[in-house]
Amino acid sequence: QRLEAPTPRVALGQALRGVASSALDVSDGLLG
């Protein structure tokens, strides 16, 4: 289910405006 139907974290991204100093989505692997 996690492989084929991931959950985009849209609400979190908007909530982090003005809070996070940087961000990206983890698509190819955390370290990369």
Full PDB file with SEQRES, HELIX, SHEET, SSBOND, CRYST1, ORIGX, SCALE, CONECT and MASTER records, all heavy atoms in Angstrom:
SEQRES   1 A   32  GLN ARG LEU GLU ALA PRO THR PRO ARG VAL ALA LEU GLY          
SEQRES   2 A   32  GLN ALA LEU ARG GLY VAL ALA SER SER ALA LEU ASP VAL          
SEQRES   3 A   32  SER ASP GLY LEU LEU GLY                                      
HELIX    1 AA1 VAL A   10  ALA A   15  1                                   6    
CRYST1    1.000    1.000    1.000  90.00  90.00  90.00 P 1           1          
ORIGX1      1.000000  0.000000  0.000000        0.00000                         
ORIGX2      0.000000  1.000000  0.000000        0.00000                         
ORIGX3      0.000000  0.000000  1.000000        0.00000                         
SCALE1      1.000000  0.000000  0.000000        0.00000                         
SCALE2      0.000000  1.000000  0.000000        0.00000                         
SCALE3      0.000000  0.000000  1.000000        0.00000                         
ATOM      1  N   GLN A   1       0.838  -1.200   0.000  1.00  0.00           N  
ATOM      2  CA  GLN A   1       0.000   0.000   0.000  1.00  0.00           C  
ATOM      3  C   GLN A   1       0.873   1.250   0.000  1.00  0.00           C  
ATOM      4  O   GLN A   1       0.587   2.231  -0.691  1.00  0.00           O  
ATOM      5  CB  GLN A   1      -0.914  -0.013   1.228  1.00  0.00           C  
ATOM      6  CG  GLN A   1      -1.739   1.243   1.451  1.00  0.00           C  
ATOM      7  CD  GLN A   1      -2.946   1.345   0.547  1.00  0.00           C  
ATOM      8  OE1 GLN A   1      -3.348   0.356  -0.067  1.00  0.00           O  
ATOM      9  NE2 GLN A   1      -3.541   2.517   0.481  1.00  0.00           N  
ATOM     10  N   ARG A   2       1.950   1.227   0.782  1.00  0.00           N  
ATOM     11  CA  ARG A   2       2.859   2.375   0.836  1.00  0.00           C  
ATOM     12  C   ARG A   2       3.603   2.553  -0.490  1.00  0.00           C  
ATOM     13  O   ARG A   2       3.894   3.681  -0.898  1.00  0.00           O  
ATOM     14  CB  ARG A   2       3.862   2.195   1.975  1.00  0.00           C  
ATOM     15  CG  ARG A   2       3.257   2.301   3.352  1.00  0.00           C  
ATOM     16  CD  ARG A   2       2.976   3.743   3.724  1.00  0.00           C  
ATOM     17  NE  ARG A   2       4.219   4.482   3.899  1.00  0.00           N  
ATOM     18  CZ  ARG A   2       4.404   5.745   3.528  1.00  0.00           C  
ATOM     19  NH1 ARG A   2       3.454   6.408   2.934  1.00  0.00           N  
ATOM     20  NH2 ARG A   2       5.573   6.346   3.743  1.00  0.00           N  
ATOM     21  N   LEU A   3       3.906   1.454  -1.166  1.00  0.00           N  
ATOM     22  CA  LEU A   3       4.595   1.526  -2.448  1.00  0.00           C  
ATOM     23  C   LEU A   3       3.678   2.044  -3.545  1.00  0.00           C  
ATOM     24  O   LEU A   3       4.076   2.899  -4.352  1.00  0.00           O  
ATOM     25  CB  LEU A   3       5.132   0.137  -2.827  1.00  0.00           C  
ATOM     26  CG  LEU A   3       5.741  -0.011  -4.220  1.00  0.00           C  
ATOM     27  CD1 LEU A   3       7.016   0.814  -4.335  1.00  0.00           C  
ATOM     28  CD2 LEU A   3       6.018  -1.492  -4.533  1.00  0.00           C  
ATOM     29  N   GLU A   4       2.461   1.543  -3.590  1.00  0.00           N  
ATOM     30  CA  GLU A   4       1.581   1.808  -4.726  1.00  0.00           C  
ATOM     31  C   GLU A   4       0.594   2.943  -4.495  1.00  0.00           C  
ATOM     32  O   GLU A   4       0.023   3.454  -5.470  1.00  0.00           O  
ATOM     33  CB  GLU A   4       0.820   0.527  -5.081  1.00  0.00           C  
ATOM     34  CG  GLU A   4       1.742  -0.587  -5.556  1.00  0.00           C  
ATOM     35  CD  GLU A   4       1.028  -1.878  -5.877  1.00  0.00           C  
ATOM     36  OE1 GLU A   4      -0.164  -2.016  -5.510  1.00  0.00           O  
ATOM     37  OE2 GLU A   4       1.653  -2.766  -6.496  1.00  0.00           O  
ATOM     38  N   ALA A   5       0.367   3.348  -3.257  1.00  0.00           N  
ATOM     39  CA  ALA A   5      -0.605   4.408  -2.976  1.00  0.00           C  
ATOM     40  C   ALA A   5      -0.089   5.320  -1.868  1.00  0.00           C  
ATOM     41  O   ALA A   5      -0.667   5.383  -0.786  1.00  0.00           O  
ATOM     42  CB  ALA A   5      -1.958   3.812  -2.607  1.00  0.00           C  
ATOM     43  N   PRO A   6       1.002   6.035  -2.113  1.00  0.00           N  
ATOM     44  CA  PRO A   6       1.580   6.905  -1.073  1.00  0.00           C  
ATOM     45  C   PRO A   6       0.656   8.063  -0.731  1.00  0.00           C  
ATOM     46  O   PRO A   6      -0.228   8.438  -1.511  1.00  0.00           O  
ATOM     47  CB  PRO A   6       2.879   7.397  -1.714  1.00  0.00           C  
ATOM     48  CG  PRO A   6       2.615   7.329  -3.186  1.00  0.00           C  
ATOM     49  CD  PRO A   6       1.746   6.122  -3.383  1.00  0.00           C  
ATOM     50  N   THR A   7       0.879   8.634   0.448  1.00  0.00           N  
ATOM     51  CA  THR A   7       0.078   9.765   0.930  1.00  0.00           C  
ATOM     52  C   THR A   7       0.883  11.051   0.802  1.00  0.00           C  
ATOM     53  O   THR A   7       1.873  11.239   1.515  1.00  0.00           O  
ATOM     54  CB  THR A   7      -0.309   9.554   2.404  1.00  0.00           C  
ATOM     55  OG1 THR A   7      -1.066   8.353   2.530  1.00  0.00           O  
ATOM     56  CG2 THR A   7      -1.129  10.730   2.921  1.00  0.00           C  
ATOM     57  N   PRO A   8       0.510  11.949  -0.095  1.00  0.00           N  
ATOM     58  CA  PRO A   8       1.233  13.220  -0.187  1.00  0.00           C  
ATOM     59  C   PRO A   8       0.935  14.095   1.023  1.00  0.00           C  
ATOM     60  O   PRO A   8      -0.225  14.244   1.427  1.00  0.00           O  
ATOM     61  CB  PRO A   8       0.674  13.847  -1.471  1.00  0.00           C  
ATOM     62  CG  PRO A   8      -0.682  13.243  -1.643  1.00  0.00           C  
ATOM     63  CD  PRO A   8      -0.597  11.850  -1.067  1.00  0.00           C  
ATOM     64  N   ARG A   9       1.963  14.675   1.629  1.00  0.00           N  
ATOM     65  CA  ARG A   9       1.823  15.413   2.889  1.00  0.00           C  
ATOM     66  C   ARG A   9       1.518  16.893   2.630  1.00  0.00           C  
ATOM     67  O   ARG A   9       2.215  17.793   3.094  1.00  0.00           O  
ATOM     68  CB  ARG A   9       3.089  15.244   3.721  1.00  0.00           C  
ATOM     69  CG  ARG A   9       3.449  13.798   4.021  1.00  0.00           C  
ATOM     70  CD  ARG A   9       2.342  13.083   4.781  1.00  0.00           C  
ATOM     71  NE  ARG A   9       2.762  11.755   5.241  1.00  0.00           N  
ATOM     72  CZ  ARG A   9       2.004  10.936   5.945  1.00  0.00           C  
ATOM     73  NH1 ARG A   9       0.765  11.292   6.275  1.00  0.00           N  
ATOM     74  NH2 ARG A   9       2.471   9.763   6.339  1.00  0.00           N  
ATOM     75  N   VAL A  10       0.447  17.130   1.891  1.00  0.00           N  
ATOM     76  CA  VAL A  10       0.103  18.476   1.455  1.00  0.00           C  
ATOM     77  C   VAL A  10      -0.216  19.388   2.640  1.00  0.00           C  
ATOM     78  O   VAL A  10       0.255  20.531   2.713  1.00  0.00           O  
ATOM     79  CB  VAL A  10      -1.074  18.424   0.472  1.00  0.00           C  
ATOM     80  CG1 VAL A  10      -1.544  19.830   0.108  1.00  0.00           C  
ATOM     81  CG2 VAL A  10      -0.682  17.649  -0.794  1.00  0.00           C  
ATOM     82  N   ALA A  11      -1.016  18.913   3.580  1.00  0.00           N  
ATOM     83  CA  ALA A  11      -1.399  19.746   4.717  1.00  0.00           C  
ATOM     84  C   ALA A  11      -0.193  20.095   5.572  1.00  0.00           C  
ATOM     85  O   ALA A  11      -0.061  21.236   6.048  1.00  0.00           O  
ATOM     86  CB  ALA A  11      -2.462  19.035   5.561  1.00  0.00           C  
ATOM     87  N   LEU A  12       0.707  19.148   5.784  1.00  0.00           N  
ATOM     88  CA  LEU A  12       1.910  19.429   6.573  1.00  0.00           C  
ATOM     89  C   LEU A  12       2.767  20.475   5.878  1.00  0.00           C  
ATOM     90  O   LEU A  12       3.280  21.399   6.526  1.00  0.00           O  
ATOM     91  CB  LEU A  12       2.716  18.152   6.796  1.00  0.00           C  
ATOM     92  CG  LEU A  12       4.046  18.340   7.534  1.00  0.00           C  
ATOM     93  CD1 LEU A  12       3.827  18.865   8.947  1.00  0.00           C  
ATOM     94  CD2 LEU A  12       4.834  17.022   7.573  1.00  0.00           C  
ATOM     95  N   GLY A  13       2.950  20.351   4.576  1.00  0.00           N  
ATOM     96  CA  GLY A  13       3.771  21.315   3.860  1.00  0.00           C  
ATOM     97  C   GLY A  13       3.274  22.741   4.051  1.00  0.00           C  
ATOM     98  O   GLY A  13       4.058  23.662   4.303  1.00  0.00           O  
ATOM     99  N   GLN A  14       1.961  22.923   3.954  1.00  0.00           N  
ATOM    100  CA  GLN A  14       1.407  24.263   4.135  1.00  0.00           C  
ATOM    101  C   GLN A  14       1.554  24.727   5.588  1.00  0.00           C  
ATOM    102  O   GLN A  14       1.809  25.907   5.850  1.00  0.00           O  
ATOM    103  CB  GLN A  14      -0.052  24.274   3.709  1.00  0.00           C  
ATOM    104  CG  GLN A  14      -0.235  24.044   2.210  1.00  0.00           C  
ATOM    105  CD  GLN A  14      -1.692  23.940   1.808  1.00  0.00           C  
ATOM    106  OE1 GLN A  14      -2.437  24.901   1.889  1.00  0.00           O  
ATOM    107  NE2 GLN A  14      -2.096  22.757   1.366  1.00  0.00           N  
ATOM    108  N   ALA A  15       1.402  23.799   6.540  1.00  0.00           N  
ATOM    109  CA  ALA A  15       1.534  24.163   7.950  1.00  0.00           C  
ATOM    110  C   ALA A  15       2.958  24.550   8.311  1.00  0.00           C  
ATOM    111  O   ALA A  15       3.191  25.264   9.291  1.00  0.00           O  
ATOM    112  CB  ALA A  15       1.074  23.007   8.828  1.00  0.00           C  
ATOM    113  N   LEU A  16       3.938  24.093   7.526  1.00  0.00           N  
ATOM    114  CA  LEU A  16       5.347  24.380   7.813  1.00  0.00           C  
ATOM    115  C   LEU A  16       5.829  25.696   7.219  1.00  0.00           C  
ATOM    116  O   LEU A  16       6.971  26.100   7.477  1.00  0.00           O  
ATOM    117  CB  LEU A  16       6.228  23.240   7.287  1.00  0.00           C  
ATOM    118  CG  LEU A  16       6.178  21.928   8.075  1.00  0.00           C  
ATOM    119  CD1 LEU A  16       6.941  20.837   7.342  1.00  0.00           C  
ATOM    120  CD2 LEU A  16       6.716  22.112   9.493  1.00  0.00           C  
ATOM    121  N   ARG A  17       4.979  26.380   6.445  1.00  0.00           N  
ATOM    122  CA  ARG A  17       5.380  27.692   5.936  1.00  0.00           C  
ATOM    123  C   ARG A  17       5.653  28.633   7.114  1.00  0.00           C  
ATOM    124  O   ARG A  17       4.862  28.730   8.043  1.00  0.00           O  
ATOM    125  CB  ARG A  17       4.290  28.292   5.049  1.00  0.00           C  
ATOM    126  CG  ARG A  17       4.099  27.571   3.743  1.00  0.00           C  
ATOM    127  CD  ARG A  17       3.315  28.390   2.730  1.00  0.00           C  
ATOM    128  NE  ARG A  17       2.050  28.883   3.196  1.00  0.00           N  
ATOM    129  CZ  ARG A  17       0.858  28.595   2.651  1.00  0.00           C  
ATOM    130  NH1 ARG A  17       0.792  27.763   1.610  1.00  0.00           N  
ATOM    131  NH2 ARG A  17      -0.246  29.122   3.130  1.00  0.00           N  
ATOM    132  N   GLY A  18       6.798  29.290   7.075  1.00  0.00           N  
ATOM    133  CA  GLY A  18       7.177  30.178   8.160  1.00  0.00           C  
ATOM    134  C   GLY A  18       7.784  29.471   9.355  1.00  0.00           C  
ATOM    135  O   GLY A  18       8.179  30.117  10.326  1.00  0.00           O  
ATOM    136  N   VAL A  19       7.849  28.138   9.300  1.00  0.00           N  
ATOM    137  CA  VAL A  19       8.403  27.336  10.398  1.00  0.00           C  
ATOM    138  C   VAL A  19       9.672  26.619   9.942  1.00  0.00           C  
ATOM    139  O   VAL A  19      10.729  26.735  10.550  1.00  0.00           O  
ATOM    140  CB  VAL A  19       7.373  26.316  10.913  1.00  0.00           C  
ATOM    141  CG1 VAL A  19       7.982  25.415  11.984  1.00  0.00           C  
ATOM    142  CG2 VAL A  19       6.124  27.017  11.437  1.00  0.00           C  
ATOM    143  N   ALA A  20       9.556  25.840   8.862  1.00  0.00           N  
ATOM    144  CA  ALA A  20      10.706  25.096   8.332  1.00  0.00           C  
ATOM    145  C   ALA A  20      11.660  26.046   7.622  1.00  0.00           C  
ATOM    146  O   ALA A  20      11.239  27.009   6.972  1.00  0.00           O  
ATOM    147  CB  ALA A  20      10.236  24.005   7.376  1.00  0.00           C  
ATOM    148  N   SER A  21      12.944  25.756   7.723  1.00  0.00           N  
ATOM    149  CA  SER A  21      13.949  26.557   7.020  1.00  0.00           C  
ATOM    150  C   SER A  21      14.261  25.981   5.646  1.00  0.00           C  
ATOM    151  O   SER A  21      14.758  26.698   4.764  1.00  0.00           O  
ATOM    152  CB  SER A  21      15.231  26.647   7.857  1.00  0.00           C  
ATOM    153  OG  SER A  21      15.695  25.363   8.245  1.00  0.00           O  
ATOM    154  N   SER A  22      13.986  24.697   5.430  1.00  0.00           N  
ATOM    155  CA  SER A  22      14.146  24.060   4.123  1.00  0.00           C  
ATOM    156  C   SER A  22      13.298  22.797   4.113  1.00  0.00           C  
ATOM    157  O   SER A  22      12.916  22.284   5.170  1.00  0.00           O  
ATOM    158  CB  SER A  22      15.619  23.710   3.842  1.00  0.00           C  
ATOM    159  OG  SER A  22      16.057  22.659   4.705  1.00  0.00           O  
ATOM    160  N   ALA A  23      13.010  22.297   2.910  1.00  0.00           N  
ATOM    161  CA  ALA A  23      12.202  21.080   2.808  1.00  0.00           C  
ATOM    162  C   ALA A  23      12.347  20.479   1.420  1.00  0.00           C  
ATOM    163  O   ALA A  23      12.675  21.178   0.452  1.00  0.00           O  
ATOM    164  CB  ALA A  23      10.727  21.384   3.093  1.00  0.00           C  
ATOM    165  N   LEU A  24      12.096  19.184   1.335  1.00  0.00           N  
ATOM    166  CA  LEU A  24      11.924  18.476   0.064  1.00  0.00           C  
ATOM    167  C   LEU A  24      11.161  17.201   0.333  1.00  0.00           C  
ATOM    168  O   LEU A  24      10.956  16.811   1.489  1.00  0.00           O  
ATOM    169  CB  LEU A  24      13.252  18.194  -0.636  1.00  0.00           C  
ATOM    170  CG  LEU A  24      14.432  17.526   0.067  1.00  0.00           C  
ATOM    171  CD1 LEU A  24      14.137  16.150   0.598  1.00  0.00           C  
ATOM    172  CD2 LEU A  24      15.618  17.450  -0.893  1.00  0.00           C  
ATOM    173  N   ASP A  25      10.708  16.541  -0.729  1.00  0.00           N  
ATOM    174  CA  ASP A  25      10.028  15.264  -0.522  1.00  0.00           C  
ATOM    175  C   ASP A  25      11.013  14.124  -0.778  1.00  0.00           C  
ATOM    176  O   ASP A  25      11.944  14.241  -1.571  1.00  0.00           O  
ATOM    177  CB  ASP A  25       8.762  15.134  -1.372  1.00  0.00           C  
ATOM    178  CG  ASP A  25       9.034  14.809  -2.826  1.00  0.00           C  
ATOM    179  OD1 ASP A  25      10.040  15.307  -3.372  1.00  0.00           O  
ATOM    180  OD2 ASP A  25       8.229  14.087  -3.423  1.00  0.00           O  
ATOM    181  N   VAL A  26      10.818  13.043  -0.043  1.00  0.00           N  
ATOM    182  CA  VAL A  26      11.714  11.884  -0.118  1.00  0.00           C  
ATOM    183  C   VAL A  26      11.156  10.937  -1.172  1.00  0.00           C  
ATOM    184  O   VAL A  26      10.224  10.179  -0.909  1.00  0.00           O  
ATOM    185  CB  VAL A  26      11.832  11.180   1.251  1.00  0.00           C  
ATOM    186  CG1 VAL A  26      12.784   9.993   1.143  1.00  0.00           C  
ATOM    187  CG2 VAL A  26      12.323  12.162   2.306  1.00  0.00           C  
ATOM    188  N   SER A  27      11.731  11.000  -2.364  1.00  0.00           N  
ATOM    189  CA  SER A  27      11.258  10.164  -3.463  1.00  0.00           C  
ATOM    190  C   SER A  27      12.289   9.115  -3.877  1.00  0.00           C  
ATOM    191  O   SER A  27      11.927   7.981  -4.189  1.00  0.00           O  
ATOM    192  CB  SER A  27      10.893  11.026  -4.672  1.00  0.00           C  
ATOM    193  OG  SER A  27      11.978  11.859  -5.045  1.00  0.00           O  
ATOM    194  N   ASP A  28      13.570   9.482  -3.871  1.00  0.00           N  
ATOM    195  CA  ASP A  28      14.615   8.551  -4.309  1.00  0.00           C  
ATOM    196  C   ASP A  28      15.362   7.900  -3.154  1.00  0.00           C  
ATOM    197  O   ASP A  28      16.228   7.060  -3.387  1.00  0.00           O  
ATOM    198  CB  ASP A  28      15.623   9.287  -5.204  1.00  0.00           C  
ATOM    199  CG  ASP A  28      14.992   9.778  -6.496  1.00  0.00           C  
ATOM    200  OD1 ASP A  28      14.019   9.153  -6.948  1.00  0.00           O  
ATOM    201  OD2 ASP A  28      15.463  10.787  -7.042  1.00  0.00           O  
ATOM    202  N   GLY A  29      15.061   8.285  -1.922  1.00  0.00           N  
ATOM    203  CA  GLY A  29      15.756   7.762  -0.752  1.00  0.00           C  
ATOM    204  C   GLY A  29      16.210   8.908   0.122  1.00  0.00           C  
ATOM    205  O   GLY A  29      16.665   9.952  -0.379  1.00  0.00           O  
ATOM    206  N   LEU A  30      16.109   8.753   1.438  1.00  0.00           N  
ATOM    207  CA  LEU A  30      16.379   9.837   2.372  1.00  0.00           C  
ATOM    208  C   LEU A  30      17.767  10.444   2.180  1.00  0.00           C  
ATOM    209  O   LEU A  30      17.913  11.663   2.081  1.00  0.00           O  
ATOM    210  CB  LEU A  30      16.228   9.332   3.811  1.00  0.00           C  
ATOM    211  CG  LEU A  30      16.584  10.338   4.911  1.00  0.00           C  
ATOM    212  CD1 LEU A  30      15.635  11.532   4.887  1.00  0.00           C  
ATOM    213  CD2 LEU A  30      16.573   9.657   6.280  1.00  0.00           C  
ATOM    214  N   LEU A  31      18.811   9.618   2.140  1.00  0.00           N  
ATOM    215  CA  LEU A  31      20.164  10.160   2.080  1.00  0.00           C  
ATOM    216  C   LEU A  31      20.419  10.893   0.772  1.00  0.00           C  
ATOM    217  O   LEU A  31      20.988  11.982   0.755  1.00  0.00           O  
ATOM    218  CB  LEU A  31      21.194   9.050   2.278  1.00  0.00           C  
ATOM    219  CG  LEU A  31      21.140   8.292   3.609  1.00  0.00           C  
ATOM    220  CD1 LEU A  31      22.349   7.372   3.741  1.00  0.00           C  
ATOM    221  CD2 LEU A  31      21.077   9.255   4.786  1.00  0.00           C  
ATOM    222  N   GLY A  32      20.006  10.292  -0.324  1.00  0.00           N  
ATOM    223  CA  GLY A  32      20.213  10.932  -1.614  1.00  0.00           C  
ATOM    224  C   GLY A  32      19.452  12.233  -1.732  1.00  0.00           C  
ATOM    225  O   GLY A  32      19.987  13.244  -2.213  1.00  0.00           O  
TER     226      GLY A  32                                                      
MASTER        0    0    0    1    0    0    0    6  225    1    0    3          
END                                                                             
